[in-house]
Amino acid sequence: MAGVELSRKALEQLQDSVHDRSVDLVKVKDGKAVAGGGGFPAKAPASTVFGALDDSAGLASAVETVEATVGSELDAAKNRLKGVENALDLVRRNIKTADDASTAPDSA
């Protein structure tokens, strides 16, 4: 059935695209998406980078918290994309199984 085959191809392309986005997130998290970029979470900056501010240590701690949050969110997004990828694979396999079961064998 041509329509089923087209649907399976479309699902396969969507699954590949979801996988590619997951790989992109890993690159961002590992600091490989941008030349010279750092991964998440980075270590806390030294408070001295903020100069002589009264609460340089607090600001450095806040930056560390943001870094940790970004790292966690990237992990969560990657895990959600993996779930979508797995679900698409299951749908593709179920469509194939149903199509194979409903297709009469060739009588030659």
Protein backbone atom coordinates (compact mmCIF):
# COMPACT_ATOMS: atom_id res chain seq x y z
CA MET A 1 0.00 0.00 0.00
CA ALA A 2 1.68 3.15 -1.24
CA GLY A 3 -0.02 5.44 1.28
CA VAL A 4 1.23 3.40 4.20
CA GLU A 5 4.75 3.39 2.79
CA LEU A 6 4.67 7.18 2.41
CA SER A 7 3.44 7.53 5.98
CA ARG A 8 6.22 5.29 7.23
CA LYS A 9 8.79 7.32 5.27
CA ALA A 10 7.42 10.58 6.71
CA LEU A 11 7.59 9.15 10.24
CA GLU A 12 11.14 7.97 9.60
CA GLN A 13 12.16 11.44 8.41
CA LEU A 14 10.51 13.02 11.46
CA GLN A 15 12.29 10.54 13.74
CA ASP A 16 15.62 11.38 12.10
CA SER A 17 14.95 15.09 12.55
CA VAL A 18 14.11 14.63 16.24
CA HIS A 19 17.30 12.63 16.69
CA ASP A 20 19.32 15.38 15.01
CA ARG A 21 17.86 17.99 17.40
CA SER A 22 18.80 15.75 20.32
CA VAL A 23 22.37 15.56 19.02
CA ASP A 24 22.37 19.37 18.69
CA LEU A 25 21.39 19.70 22.37
CA VAL A 26 24.22 17.40 23.38
CA LYS A 27 26.63 19.58 21.41
CA VAL A 28 25.34 22.71 23.14
CA LYS A 29 25.58 21.08 26.57
CA ASP A 30 29.10 19.84 25.88
CA GLY A 31 30.20 23.21 24.53
CA LYS A 32 30.83 21.86 21.03
CA ALA A 33 28.12 23.86 19.24
CA VAL A 34 30.22 27.02 19.10
CA ALA A 35 33.98 27.14 18.57
CA GLY A 36 35.59 27.95 21.89
CA GLY A 37 32.30 27.53 23.74
CA GLY A 38 32.07 25.98 27.14
CA GLY A 39 29.81 23.21 28.31
CA PHE A 40 26.99 23.44 30.84
CA PRO A 41 27.26 23.74 33.72
CA ALA A 42 30.52 25.61 33.76
CA LYS A 43 32.36 26.05 37.01
CA ALA A 44 31.46 29.13 39.00
CA PRO A 45 33.35 32.23 37.92
CA ALA A 46 35.75 33.78 40.36
CA SER A 47 34.06 36.67 42.12
CA THR A 48 36.98 38.88 41.10
CA VAL A 49 35.73 38.93 37.49
CA PHE A 50 33.01 41.32 38.66
CA GLY A 51 35.47 43.81 40.07
CA ALA A 52 35.00 45.45 43.42
CA LEU A 53 31.24 44.99 43.73
CA ASP A 54 29.91 44.64 47.24
CA ASP A 55 28.36 41.27 46.47
CA SER A 56 30.71 39.84 43.85
CA ALA A 57 30.54 36.42 45.50
CA GLY A 58 26.73 36.50 45.37
CA LEU A 59 26.81 37.40 41.70
CA ALA A 60 29.25 34.59 40.97
CA SER A 61 26.97 32.20 42.85
CA ALA A 62 23.97 33.41 40.82
CA VAL A 63 25.89 32.77 37.58
CA GLU A 64 26.68 29.26 38.80
CA THR A 65 22.97 28.69 39.54
CA VAL A 66 22.02 29.83 36.03
CA GLU A 67 24.66 27.52 34.54
CA ALA A 68 23.36 24.56 36.54
CA THR A 69 19.77 25.33 35.55
CA VAL A 70 20.66 25.56 31.86
CA GLY A 71 22.50 22.23 32.10
CA SER A 72 19.49 20.59 33.74
CA GLU A 73 17.08 22.03 31.19
CA LEU A 74 19.24 20.84 28.30
CA ASP A 75 19.27 17.34 29.82
CA ALA A 76 15.50 17.41 30.26
CA ALA A 77 14.96 18.57 26.66
CA LYS A 78 17.29 15.86 25.37
CA ASN A 79 15.39 13.22 27.37
CA ARG A 80 12.04 14.47 26.06
CA LEU A 81 13.32 14.35 22.49
CA LYS A 82 14.56 10.80 23.09
CA GLY A 83 11.06 9.89 24.28
CA VAL A 84 9.54 11.38 21.11
CA GLU A 85 12.08 9.52 19.00
CA ASN A 86 11.22 6.23 20.73
CA ALA A 87 7.48 6.86 20.34
CA LEU A 88 7.89 7.57 16.63
CA ASP A 89 9.86 4.36 16.24
CA LEU A 90 7.09 2.42 17.97
CA VAL A 91 4.45 3.99 15.70
CA ARG A 92 6.52 3.11 12.61
CA ARG A 93 6.92 -0.50 13.76
CA ASN A 94 3.21 -0.81 14.56
CA ILE A 95 2.25 0.55 11.14
CA LYS A 96 4.62 -1.91 9.46
CA THR A 97 3.24 -4.80 11.51
CA ALA A 98 -0.36 -3.85 10.68
CA ASP A 99 0.48 -3.37 7.00
CA ASP A 100 2.31 -6.68 6.80
CA ALA A 101 -0.61 -8.46 8.48
CA SER A 102 -3.18 -6.94 6.13
CA THR A 103 -1.23 -7.51 2.92
CA ALA A 104 -2.17 -10.68 1.07
CA PRO A 105 0.80 -12.79 0.00
CA ASP A 106 1.54 -12.80 -3.71
CA SER A 107 0.15 -15.79 -5.47
CA ALA A 108 2.41 -16.59 -8.37
